[in-house]
Amino acid sequence: MLRDTLGTASFDRALRTFWSTHRHRRAGWDDLRLAFEQASGRDLRRFFAEWVEGRGLAEPRLDGVRPGTDSVTLTLAQPAPPYPPGLPLHLRDPDSGALRIETLTVDRPQQSFTLPLKGCAELAVDPDFRTARRLRPGEAPPILREATLDSTLALTVLDGGDARFGAAADALVGDWLDAPPPRLGADAAPGRSARMVIGRSADLDRWLAQHGLPARPRDGDVVAWAQRSAAGGTLALVAARDADALTAARRALPHYGQQGWVVIKDGRASARGQWPAQTQWTRVCALSAR
């Protein structure tokens, strides 16, 4: 945020000055602030008071969008106290993808801005996360633990009549969860509640297709991943080649709850990662474009 506020040249100059001045010496926040003030010629006491001494994070949200003839008026809300740095608003052309960025300063709990607009645009507040802020609902990517710790969690096991696979799934659930969750049949559609689905890879692939969900994202002996259903519930999905592969993954899987996805091979994680954050775009068209 400070780099965006001051510009790259001033920001880098301040860091070089700070390093050369305080190298091998003890320095505090005031020393760092003074280095940035000297490099930029700006008073940064309010910035540092908010972001170093203050508590909490910004919570900006798009509270309303109203199209005009060749403009758009949008209302941004920010719970008090408002944070001083400029807030980036992205306007993306829905056809070409061309991007325009407006920097808005929200210094009141609710504030309206009128911007020129030709045709249509998709709007998003800080989609690149340049501001230290709380993520809005649905913006944070799902992780496995989000489902396994949810009090609404239900379990579906797709064993295809394979008793050994069913027993391996039960053993995994016993290691992973504090208590066995209620069971749902394969035909029960994912809803707003959390759901864990464990199945042989081919069976789980069919289950995903049956309920209109995205296909399995990775291949491997055992692949576990989190995603959200269309209704908003978090799903923890575990696809295994067979009962032996699932048994081998039993000890490792519960340790990767903080991941969005993980691939287990020979009982060890061979790859893991997080899903990208979900940017929320709002489409608006100027009245002249209708």
C-alpha atoms as a PDB file:
ATOM      1  CA  MET A   1       0.000   0.000   0.000  1.00  0.00           C
ATOM      2  CA  LEU A   2       2.746   2.446   0.890  1.00  0.00           C
ATOM      3  CA  ARG A   3       4.510   1.770  -2.422  1.00  0.00           C
ATOM      4  CA  ASP A   4       1.271   2.537  -4.259  1.00  0.00           C
ATOM      5  CA  THR A   5       0.748   5.693  -2.185  1.00  0.00           C
ATOM      6  CA  LEU A   6       4.239   7.125  -2.692  1.00  0.00           C
ATOM      7  CA  GLY A   7       5.266   5.640  -6.019  1.00  0.00           C
ATOM      8  CA  THR A   8       8.000   3.097  -6.655  1.00  0.00           C
ATOM      9  CA  ALA A   9      10.841   5.625  -6.991  1.00  0.00           C
ATOM     10  CA  SER A  10      10.174   7.333  -3.630  1.00  0.00           C
ATOM     11  CA  PHE A  11       9.520   4.019  -1.905  1.00  0.00           C
ATOM     12  CA  ASP A  12      12.790   2.461  -3.098  1.00  0.00           C
ATOM     13  CA  ARG A  13      14.748   5.621  -2.307  1.00  0.00           C
ATOM     14  CA  ALA A  14      13.389   5.629   1.246  1.00  0.00           C
ATOM     15  CA  LEU A  15      14.426   2.013   1.803  1.00  0.00           C
ATOM     16  CA  ARG A  16      17.956   2.708   0.581  1.00  0.00           C
ATOM     17  CA  THR A  17      18.194   5.758   2.834  1.00  0.00           C
ATOM     18  CA  PHE A  18      16.831   3.884   5.822  1.00  0.00           C
ATOM     19  CA  TRP A  19      19.301   1.039   5.298  1.00  0.00           C
ATOM     20  CA  SER A  20      22.335   3.272   4.882  1.00  0.00           C
ATOM     21  CA  THR A  21      21.377   5.467   7.869  1.00  0.00           C
ATOM     22  CA  HIS A  22      20.521   2.717  10.352  1.00  0.00           C
ATOM     23  CA  ARG A  23      22.698  -0.170   9.210  1.00  0.00           C
ATOM     24  CA  HIS A  24      24.041  -2.050  12.258  1.00  0.00           C
ATOM     25  CA  ARG A  25      21.979   0.220  14.531  1.00  0.00           C
ATOM     26  CA  ARG A  26      18.682  -0.161  16.328  1.00  0.00           C
ATOM     27  CA  ALA A  27      15.781   1.570  14.555  1.00  0.00           C
ATOM     28  CA  GLY A  28      12.088   2.002  15.277  1.00  0.00           C
ATOM     29  CA  TRP A  29       8.910   2.753  13.380  1.00  0.00           C
ATOM     30  CA  ASP A  30       9.455   6.515  13.693  1.00  0.00           C
ATOM     31  CA  ASP A  31      12.824   6.154  11.998  1.00  0.00           C
ATOM     32  CA  LEU A  32      11.237   4.252   9.140  1.00  0.00           C
ATOM     33  CA  ARG A  33       8.450   6.825   8.827  1.00  0.00           C
ATOM     34  CA  LEU A  34      10.957   9.689   8.699  1.00  0.00           C
ATOM     35  CA  ALA A  35      12.873   7.961   5.902  1.00  0.00           C
ATOM     36  CA  PHE A  36       9.697   7.662   3.820  1.00  0.00           C
ATOM     37  CA  GLU A  37       8.703  11.258   4.606  1.00  0.00           C
ATOM     38  CA  GLN A  38      12.089  12.585   3.550  1.00  0.00           C
ATOM     39  CA  ALA A  39      12.053  10.592   0.321  1.00  0.00           C
ATOM     40  CA  SER A  40       8.510  11.570  -0.632  1.00  0.00           C
ATOM     41  CA  GLY A  41       8.121  15.022   0.920  1.00  0.00           C
ATOM     42  CA  ARG A  42       4.828  13.895   2.473  1.00  0.00           C
ATOM     43  CA  ASP A  43       3.539  13.817   6.021  1.00  0.00           C
ATOM     44  CA  LEU A  44       2.904  10.144   6.789  1.00  0.00           C
ATOM     45  CA  ARG A  45       1.976  10.391  10.458  1.00  0.00           C
ATOM     46  CA  ARG A  46      -1.655   9.549   9.784  1.00  0.00           C
ATOM     47  CA  PHE A  47      -0.729   6.609   7.539  1.00  0.00           C
ATOM     48  CA  PHE A  48       1.549   5.066  10.167  1.00  0.00           C
ATOM     49  CA  ALA A  49      -0.942   5.789  12.957  1.00  0.00           C
ATOM     50  CA  GLU A  50      -3.614   3.828  11.086  1.00  0.00           C
ATOM     51  CA  TRP A  51      -1.523   0.922   9.817  1.00  0.00           C
ATOM     52  CA  VAL A  52       1.136   0.504  12.502  1.00  0.00           C
ATOM     53  CA  GLU A  53      -0.467   1.730  15.703  1.00  0.00           C
ATOM     54  CA  GLY A  54      -4.104   1.116  14.797  1.00  0.00           C
ATOM     55  CA  ARG A  55      -6.130  -2.061  15.108  1.00  0.00           C
ATOM     56  CA  GLY A  56      -8.175  -3.956  12.596  1.00  0.00           C
ATOM     57  CA  LEU A  57      -8.225  -3.889   8.821  1.00  0.00           C
ATOM     58  CA  ALA A  58     -10.074  -1.956   6.188  1.00  0.00           C
ATOM     59  CA  GLU A  59     -13.440  -3.421   5.156  1.00  0.00           C
ATOM     60  CA  PRO A  60     -14.420  -1.551   1.993  1.00  0.00           C
ATOM     61  CA  ARG A  61     -17.437  -2.745   0.071  1.00  0.00           C
ATOM     62  CA  LEU A  62     -19.387  -1.697  -2.987  1.00  0.00           C
ATOM     63  CA  ASP A  63     -22.720  -0.635  -1.530  1.00  0.00           C
ATOM     64  CA  GLY A  64     -24.543   0.455  -4.661  1.00  0.00           C
ATOM     65  CA  VAL A  65     -24.138   1.043  -8.403  1.00  0.00           C
ATOM     66  CA  ARG A  66     -26.338   3.447 -10.394  1.00  0.00           C
ATOM     67  CA  PRO A  67     -25.823   3.940 -14.138  1.00  0.00           C
ATOM     68  CA  GLY A  68     -26.080   7.387 -15.745  1.00  0.00           C
ATOM     69  CA  THR A  69     -26.269   8.441 -19.370  1.00  0.00           C
ATOM     70  CA  ASP A  70     -22.506   8.283 -19.900  1.00  0.00           C
ATOM     71  CA  SER A  71     -21.420   7.638 -16.346  1.00  0.00           C
ATOM     72  CA  VAL A  72     -21.770   5.397 -13.345  1.00  0.00           C
ATOM     73  CA  THR A  73     -22.331   6.470  -9.742  1.00  0.00           C
ATOM     74  CA  LEU A  74     -21.139   4.011  -7.156  1.00  0.00           C
ATOM     75  CA  THR A  75     -21.315   4.069  -3.392  1.00  0.00           C
ATOM     76  CA  LEU A  76     -18.478   2.711  -1.288  1.00  0.00           C
ATOM     77  CA  ALA A  77     -18.924   1.939   2.382  1.00  0.00           C
ATOM     78  CA  GLN A  78     -16.181   1.559   4.954  1.00  0.00           C
ATOM     79  CA  PRO A  79     -16.890   0.970   8.655  1.00  0.00           C
ATOM     80  CA  ALA A  80     -15.355   3.642  10.851  1.00  0.00           C
ATOM     81  CA  PRO A  81     -12.643   4.612  11.128  1.00  0.00           C
ATOM     82  CA  PRO A  82     -12.068   5.110   7.381  1.00  0.00           C
ATOM     83  CA  TYR A  83      -8.570   4.342   6.176  1.00  0.00           C
ATOM     84  CA  PRO A  84      -6.682   7.085   4.336  1.00  0.00           C
ATOM     85  CA  PRO A  85      -4.884   5.363   1.417  1.00  0.00           C
ATOM     86  CA  GLY A  86      -6.503   5.475  -2.018  1.00  0.00           C
ATOM     87  CA  LEU A  87      -8.674   2.459  -2.813  1.00  0.00           C
ATOM     88  CA  PRO A  88      -8.210   0.982  -6.309  1.00  0.00           C
ATOM     89  CA  LEU A  89     -11.378   0.432  -8.306  1.00  0.00           C
ATOM     90  CA  HIS A  90     -10.980  -1.657 -11.463  1.00  0.00           C
ATOM     91  CA  LEU A  91     -13.262  -1.149 -14.465  1.00  0.00           C
ATOM     92  CA  ARG A  92     -12.868  -3.970 -16.997  1.00  0.00           C
ATOM     93  CA  ASP A  93     -14.314  -4.000 -20.504  1.00  0.00           C
ATOM     94  CA  PRO A  94     -16.405  -7.204 -20.663  1.00  0.00           C
ATOM     95  CA  ASP A  95     -15.552  -7.742 -24.340  1.00  0.00           C
ATOM     96  CA  SER A  96     -11.915  -6.728 -24.783  1.00  0.00           C
ATOM     97  CA  GLY A  97     -10.734  -7.146 -21.205  1.00  0.00           C
ATOM     98  CA  ALA A  98      -9.181  -3.659 -21.310  1.00  0.00           C
ATOM     99  CA  LEU A  99      -8.653  -2.388 -17.793  1.00  0.00           C
ATOM    100  CA  ARG A 100      -9.000   1.075 -16.273  1.00  0.00           C
ATOM    101  CA  ILE A 101      -8.071   1.744 -12.652  1.00  0.00           C
ATOM    102  CA  GLU A 102      -9.485   4.616 -10.621  1.00  0.00           C
ATOM    103  CA  THR A 103      -8.012   5.442  -7.205  1.00  0.00           C
ATOM    104  CA  LEU A 104     -10.709   6.565  -4.776  1.00  0.00           C
ATOM    105  CA  THR A 105     -10.204   8.029  -1.322  1.00  0.00           C
ATOM    106  CA  VAL A 106     -12.934   6.957   1.088  1.00  0.00           C
ATOM    107  CA  ASP A 107     -12.722   9.284   4.092  1.00  0.00           C
ATOM    108  CA  ARG A 108     -16.310   8.867   5.312  1.00  0.00           C
ATOM    109  CA  PRO A 109     -18.248   5.760   6.371  1.00  0.00           C
ATOM    110  CA  GLN A 110     -20.212   5.990   3.104  1.00  0.00           C
ATOM    111  CA  GLN A 111     -19.253   7.924   0.017  1.00  0.00           C
ATOM    112  CA  SER A 112     -20.460   8.195  -3.594  1.00  0.00           C
ATOM    113  CA  PHE A 113     -18.358   8.730  -6.705  1.00  0.00           C
ATOM    114  CA  THR A 114     -19.449   9.468 -10.275  1.00  0.00           C
ATOM    115  CA  LEU A 115     -17.127   8.200 -12.985  1.00  0.00           C
ATOM    116  CA  PRO A 116     -17.335   8.501 -16.772  1.00  0.00           C
ATOM    117  CA  LEU A 117     -18.472   5.330 -18.528  1.00  0.00           C
ATOM    118  CA  LYS A 118     -19.008   4.521 -22.183  1.00  0.00           C
ATOM    119  CA  GLY A 119     -20.798   1.263 -22.840  1.00  0.00           C
ATOM    120  CA  CYS A 120     -20.517  -1.460 -20.211  1.00  0.00           C
ATOM    121  CA  ALA A 121     -17.931  -2.356 -17.590  1.00  0.00           C
ATOM    122  CA  GLU A 122     -17.308  -4.885 -14.851  1.00  0.00           C
ATOM    123  CA  LEU A 123     -16.386  -3.294 -11.520  1.00  0.00           C
ATOM    124  CA  ALA A 124     -14.285  -4.715  -8.691  1.00  0.00           C
ATOM    125  CA  VAL A 125     -12.876  -3.093  -5.566  1.00  0.00           C
ATOM    126  CA  ASP A 126      -9.180  -3.871  -5.049  1.00  0.00           C
ATOM    127  CA  PRO A 127      -9.143  -7.225  -6.931  1.00  0.00           C
ATOM    128  CA  ASP A 128      -5.325  -7.363  -6.729  1.00  0.00           C
ATOM    129  CA  PHE A 129      -5.364  -7.034  -2.919  1.00  0.00           C
ATOM    130  CA  ARG A 130      -3.172  -3.932  -2.860  1.00  0.00           C
ATOM    131  CA  THR A 131      -4.908  -2.788   0.345  1.00  0.00           C
ATOM    132  CA  ALA A 132      -4.583  -4.554   3.687  1.00  0.00           C
ATOM    133  CA  ARG A 133      -8.233  -5.431   4.145  1.00  0.00           C
ATOM    134  CA  ARG A 134     -10.571  -8.128   5.309  1.00  0.00           C
ATOM    135  CA  LEU A 135     -11.736 -10.459   2.584  1.00  0.00           C
ATOM    136  CA  ARG A 136     -15.403 -10.255   1.749  1.00  0.00           C
ATOM    137  CA  PRO A 137     -17.649 -13.340   2.053  1.00  0.00           C
ATOM    138  CA  GLY A 138     -16.986 -15.692  -0.841  1.00  0.00           C
ATOM    139  CA  GLU A 139     -13.727 -13.959  -1.758  1.00  0.00           C
ATOM    140  CA  ALA A 140     -11.366 -16.182   0.231  1.00  0.00           C
ATOM    141  CA  PRO A 141     -10.535 -19.445  -1.560  1.00  0.00           C
ATOM    142  CA  PRO A 142     -11.794 -22.626   0.140  1.00  0.00           C
ATOM    143  CA  ILE A 143      -9.459 -24.905   2.087  1.00  0.00           C
ATOM    144  CA  LEU A 144     -10.084 -28.442   3.309  1.00  0.00           C
ATOM    145  CA  ARG A 145     -10.248 -27.394   6.947  1.00  0.00           C
ATOM    146  CA  GLU A 146     -13.129 -25.038   6.177  1.00  0.00           C
ATOM    147  CA  ALA A 147     -15.284 -28.106   5.558  1.00  0.00           C
ATOM    148  CA  THR A 148     -13.850 -30.523   8.119  1.00  0.00           C
ATOM    149  CA  LEU A 149     -14.321 -28.050  10.999  1.00  0.00           C
ATOM    150  CA  ASP A 150     -17.818 -27.004   9.938  1.00  0.00           C
ATOM    151  CA  SER A 151     -20.510 -28.102  12.396  1.00  0.00           C
ATOM    152  CA  THR A 152     -22.898 -28.773   9.486  1.00  0.00           C
ATOM    153  CA  LEU A 153     -20.554 -31.316   7.852  1.00  0.00           C
ATOM    154  CA  ALA A 154     -22.132 -34.449   6.382  1.00  0.00           C
ATOM    155  CA  LEU A 155     -20.369 -37.426   4.808  1.00  0.00           C
ATOM    156  CA  THR A 156     -20.879 -39.326   1.564  1.00  0.00           C
ATOM    157  CA  VAL A 157     -18.802 -42.421   0.759  1.00  0.00           C
ATOM    158  CA  LEU A 158     -18.767 -43.688  -2.818  1.00  0.00           C
ATOM    159  CA  ASP A 159     -17.348 -47.186  -2.448  1.00  0.00           C
ATOM    160  CA  GLY A 160     -19.030 -48.829  -5.441  1.00  0.00           C
ATOM    161  CA  GLY A 161     -19.830 -51.862  -3.306  1.00  0.00           C
ATOM    162  CA  ASP A 162     -16.157 -52.359  -2.391  1.00  0.00           C
ATOM    163  CA  ALA A 163     -16.186 -53.239   1.317  1.00  0.00           C
ATOM    164  CA  ARG A 164     -12.425 -52.703   1.660  1.00  0.00           C
ATOM    165  CA  PHE A 165     -12.710 -49.205   0.230  1.00  0.00           C
ATOM    166  CA  GLY A 166     -15.615 -48.415   2.555  1.00  0.00           C
ATOM    167  CA  ALA A 167     -13.597 -49.575   5.563  1.00  0.00           C
ATOM    168  CA  ALA A 168     -10.601 -47.484   4.443  1.00  0.00           C
ATOM    169  CA  ALA A 169     -12.858 -44.424   4.118  1.00  0.00           C
ATOM    170  CA  ASP A 170     -14.269 -44.986   7.604  1.00  0.00           C
ATOM    171  CA  ALA A 171     -10.747 -45.256   9.024  1.00  0.00           C
ATOM    172  CA  LEU A 172      -9.717 -42.013   7.336  1.00  0.00           C
ATOM    173  CA  VAL A 173     -12.768 -40.209   8.703  1.00  0.00           C
ATOM    174  CA  GLY A 174     -11.985 -41.539  12.192  1.00  0.00           C
ATOM    175  CA  ASP A 175      -8.458 -40.099  12.015  1.00  0.00           C
ATOM    176  CA  TRP A 176      -9.438 -36.810  10.382  1.00  0.00           C
ATOM    177  CA  LEU A 177     -12.590 -35.767  12.248  1.00  0.00           C
ATOM    178  CA  ASP A 178     -13.375 -35.456  15.943  1.00  0.00           C
ATOM    179  CA  ALA A 179     -16.662 -37.293  15.540  1.00  0.00           C
ATOM    180  CA  PRO A 180     -18.306 -39.201  12.676  1.00  0.00           C
ATOM    181  CA  PRO A 181     -20.670 -36.877  10.768  1.00  0.00           C
ATOM    182  CA  PRO A 182     -24.141 -37.849   9.571  1.00  0.00           C
ATOM    183  CA  ARG A 183     -24.230 -39.654   6.241  1.00  0.00           C
ATOM    184  CA  LEU A 184     -25.903 -38.578   3.021  1.00  0.00           C
ATOM    185  CA  GLY A 185     -26.548 -40.692  -0.046  1.00  0.00           C
ATOM    186  CA  ALA A 186     -24.842 -40.014  -3.355  1.00  0.00           C
ATOM    187  CA  ASP A 187     -28.032 -38.587  -4.867  1.00  0.00           C
ATOM    188  CA  ALA A 188     -28.274 -35.795  -2.274  1.00  0.00           C
ATOM    189  CA  ALA A 189     -27.216 -32.613  -4.057  1.00  0.00           C
ATOM    190  CA  PRO A 190     -24.597 -30.362  -2.434  1.00  0.00           C
ATOM    191  CA  GLY A 191     -26.258 -27.482  -0.627  1.00  0.00           C
ATOM    192  CA  ARG A 192     -25.389 -24.722   1.805  1.00  0.00           C
ATOM    193  CA  SER A 193     -23.998 -27.144   4.387  1.00  0.00           C
ATOM    194  CA  ALA A 194     -20.464 -28.542   4.354  1.00  0.00           C
ATOM    195  CA  ARG A 195     -19.927 -31.951   2.839  1.00  0.00           C
ATOM    196  CA  MET A 196     -17.103 -34.497   2.710  1.00  0.00           C
ATOM    197  CA  VAL A 197     -17.227 -36.909  -0.198  1.00  0.00           C
ATOM    198  CA  ILE A 198     -14.768 -39.827  -0.364  1.00  0.00           C
ATOM    199  CA  GLY A 199     -14.770 -42.124  -3.357  1.00  0.00           C
ATOM    200  CA  ARG A 200     -12.823 -44.110  -5.858  1.00  0.00           C
ATOM    201  CA  SER A 201     -11.568 -41.738  -8.546  1.00  0.00           C
ATOM    202  CA  ALA A 202     -13.941 -42.922 -11.273  1.00  0.00           C
ATOM    203  CA  ASP A 203     -16.925 -42.918  -8.884  1.00  0.00           C
ATOM    204  CA  LEU A 204     -16.165 -39.423  -7.647  1.00  0.00           C
ATOM    205  CA  ASP A 205     -15.729 -38.192 -11.224  1.00  0.00           C
ATOM    206  CA  ARG A 206     -19.237 -39.451 -12.009  1.00  0.00           C
ATOM    207  CA  TRP A 207     -20.617 -37.858  -8.836  1.00  0.00           C
ATOM    208  CA  LEU A 208     -19.154 -34.484  -9.799  1.00  0.00           C
ATOM    209  CA  ALA A 209     -20.693 -34.717 -13.264  1.00  0.00           C
ATOM    210  CA  GLN A 210     -24.032 -35.806 -11.812  1.00  0.00           C
ATOM    211  CA  HIS A 211     -24.247 -32.680  -9.696  1.00  0.00           C
ATOM    212  CA  GLY A 212     -22.852 -30.264 -12.259  1.00  0.00           C
ATOM    213  CA  LEU A 213     -19.608 -29.605 -10.371  1.00  0.00           C
ATOM    214  CA  PRO A 214     -16.162 -28.905 -11.871  1.00  0.00           C
ATOM    215  CA  ALA A 215     -14.099 -31.946 -12.762  1.00  0.00           C
ATOM    216  CA  ARG A 216     -11.372 -33.347 -10.539  1.00  0.00           C
ATOM    217  CA  PRO A 217      -8.505 -30.807 -10.755  1.00  0.00           C
ATOM    218  CA  ARG A 218      -5.528 -33.178 -10.383  1.00  0.00           C
ATOM    219  CA  ASP A 219      -4.538 -36.782 -11.081  1.00  0.00           C
ATOM    220  CA  GLY A 220      -2.811 -39.009  -8.545  1.00  0.00           C
ATOM    221  CA  ASP A 221      -3.103 -41.994  -6.237  1.00  0.00           C
ATOM    222  CA  VAL A 222      -5.149 -39.840  -3.853  1.00  0.00           C
ATOM    223  CA  VAL A 223      -6.300 -36.287  -4.572  1.00  0.00           C
ATOM    224  CA  ALA A 224      -8.060 -34.192  -1.922  1.00  0.00           C
ATOM    225  CA  TRP A 225      -9.384 -30.728  -2.656  1.00  0.00           C
ATOM    226  CA  ALA A 226     -11.824 -28.127  -1.405  1.00  0.00           C
ATOM    227  CA  GLN A 227     -14.391 -26.289  -3.458  1.00  0.00           C
ATOM    228  CA  ARG A 228     -17.715 -24.569  -2.972  1.00  0.00           C
ATOM    229  CA  SER A 229     -21.033 -25.755  -4.271  1.00  0.00           C
ATOM    230  CA  ALA A 230     -23.303 -23.453  -6.241  1.00  0.00           C
ATOM    231  CA  ALA A 231     -25.389 -23.037  -3.071  1.00  0.00           C
ATOM    232  CA  GLY A 232     -22.334 -21.927  -1.074  1.00  0.00           C
ATOM    233  CA  GLY A 233     -21.483 -25.001   0.990  1.00  0.00           C
ATOM    234  CA  THR A 234     -17.830 -26.011   1.268  1.00  0.00           C
ATOM    235  CA  LEU A 235     -16.943 -29.449  -0.073  1.00  0.00           C
ATOM    236  CA  ALA A 236     -13.957 -31.556   1.000  1.00  0.00           C
ATOM    237  CA  LEU A 237     -13.483 -34.097  -1.785  1.00  0.00           C
ATOM    238  CA  VAL A 238     -11.181 -37.120  -1.655  1.00  0.00           C
ATOM    239  CA  ALA A 239     -10.632 -39.228  -4.776  1.00  0.00           C
ATOM    240  CA  ALA A 240      -8.533 -42.401  -4.376  1.00  0.00           C
ATOM    241  CA  ARG A 241      -7.305 -44.948  -6.908  1.00  0.00           C
ATOM    242  CA  ASP A 242      -8.307 -47.856  -4.669  1.00  0.00           C
ATOM    243  CA  ALA A 243      -8.558 -48.988  -1.036  1.00  0.00           C
ATOM    244  CA  ASP A 244      -4.793 -49.496  -0.705  1.00  0.00           C
ATOM    245  CA  ALA A 245      -4.014 -45.962  -1.895  1.00  0.00           C
ATOM    246  CA  LEU A 246      -6.595 -44.503   0.506  1.00  0.00           C
ATOM    247  CA  THR A 247      -5.175 -46.504   3.411  1.00  0.00           C
ATOM    248  CA  ALA A 248      -1.658 -45.287   2.595  1.00  0.00           C
ATOM    249  CA  ALA A 249      -2.882 -41.671   2.653  1.00  0.00           C
ATOM    250  CA  ARG A 250      -4.680 -42.070   5.976  1.00  0.00           C
ATOM    251  CA  ARG A 251      -1.930 -40.617   8.179  1.00  0.00           C
ATOM    252  CA  ALA A 252      -0.900 -37.789   5.866  1.00  0.00           C
ATOM    253  CA  LEU A 253      -4.222 -36.305   4.737  1.00  0.00           C
ATOM    254  CA  PRO A 254      -5.417 -34.836   8.064  1.00  0.00           C
ATOM    255  CA  HIS A 255      -2.223 -32.727   8.216  1.00  0.00           C
ATOM    256  CA  TYR A 256      -3.098 -30.795   5.047  1.00  0.00           C
ATOM    257  CA  GLY A 257      -6.329 -29.154   6.133  1.00  0.00           C
ATOM    258  CA  GLN A 258      -4.883 -25.695   5.493  1.00  0.00           C
ATOM    259  CA  GLN A 259      -4.430 -26.501   1.797  1.00  0.00           C
ATOM    260  CA  GLY A 260      -6.838 -25.953  -1.053  1.00  0.00           C
ATOM    261  CA  TRP A 261      -5.657 -29.184  -2.681  1.00  0.00           C
ATOM    262  CA  VAL A 262      -3.119 -31.935  -2.088  1.00  0.00           C
ATOM    263  CA  VAL A 263      -1.930 -34.988  -4.041  1.00  0.00           C
ATOM    264  CA  ILE A 264      -0.771 -38.021  -2.034  1.00  0.00           C
ATOM    265  CA  LYS A 265       1.573 -40.599  -3.554  1.00  0.00           C
ATOM    266  CA  ASP A 266       2.895 -43.578  -1.597  1.00  0.00           C
ATOM    267  CA  GLY A 267       1.492 -42.079   1.603  1.00  0.00           C
ATOM    268  CA  ARG A 268       3.256 -38.702   1.184  1.00  0.00           C
ATOM    269  CA  ALA A 269       2.241 -35.371  -0.284  1.00  0.00           C
ATOM    270  CA  SER A 270       3.775 -35.042  -3.748  1.00  0.00           C
ATOM    271  CA  ALA A 271       2.111 -31.694  -4.507  1.00  0.00           C
ATOM    272  CA  ARG A 272      -0.128 -29.229  -2.716  1.00  0.00           C
ATOM    273  CA  GLY A 273      -1.362 -25.690  -3.096  1.00  0.00           C
ATOM    274  CA  GLN A 274      -4.051 -23.036  -2.732  1.00  0.00           C
ATOM    275  CA  TRP A 275      -6.763 -21.907  -5.100  1.00  0.00           C
ATOM    276  CA  PRO A 276      -6.693 -18.279  -6.263  1.00  0.00           C
ATOM    277  CA  ALA A 277      -8.926 -15.791  -4.486  1.00  0.00           C
ATOM    278  CA  GLN A 278     -12.332 -15.262  -6.043  1.00  0.00           C
ATOM    279  CA  THR A 279     -12.704 -11.714  -7.342  1.00  0.00           C
ATOM    280  CA  GLN A 280     -16.277 -10.413  -7.268  1.00  0.00           C
ATOM    281  CA  TRP A 281     -17.122  -8.359 -10.358  1.00  0.00           C
ATOM    282  CA  THR A 282     -20.274  -6.256 -10.795  1.00  0.00           C
ATOM    283  CA  ARG A 283     -21.475  -5.533 -14.321  1.00  0.00           C
ATOM    284  CA  VAL A 284     -22.969  -2.137 -15.159  1.00  0.00           C
ATOM    285  CA  CYS A 285     -23.942  -0.462 -18.442  1.00  0.00           C
ATOM    286  CA  ALA A 286     -24.348   3.266 -19.096  1.00  0.00           C
ATOM    287  CA  LEU A 287     -27.881   4.236 -20.074  1.00  0.00           C
ATOM    288  CA  SER A 288     -26.643   5.355 -23.489  1.00  0.00           C
ATOM    289  CA  ALA A 289     -25.519   1.774 -24.175  1.00  0.00           C
ATOM    290  CA  ARG A 290     -28.925   0.235 -23.628  1.00  0.00           C
END
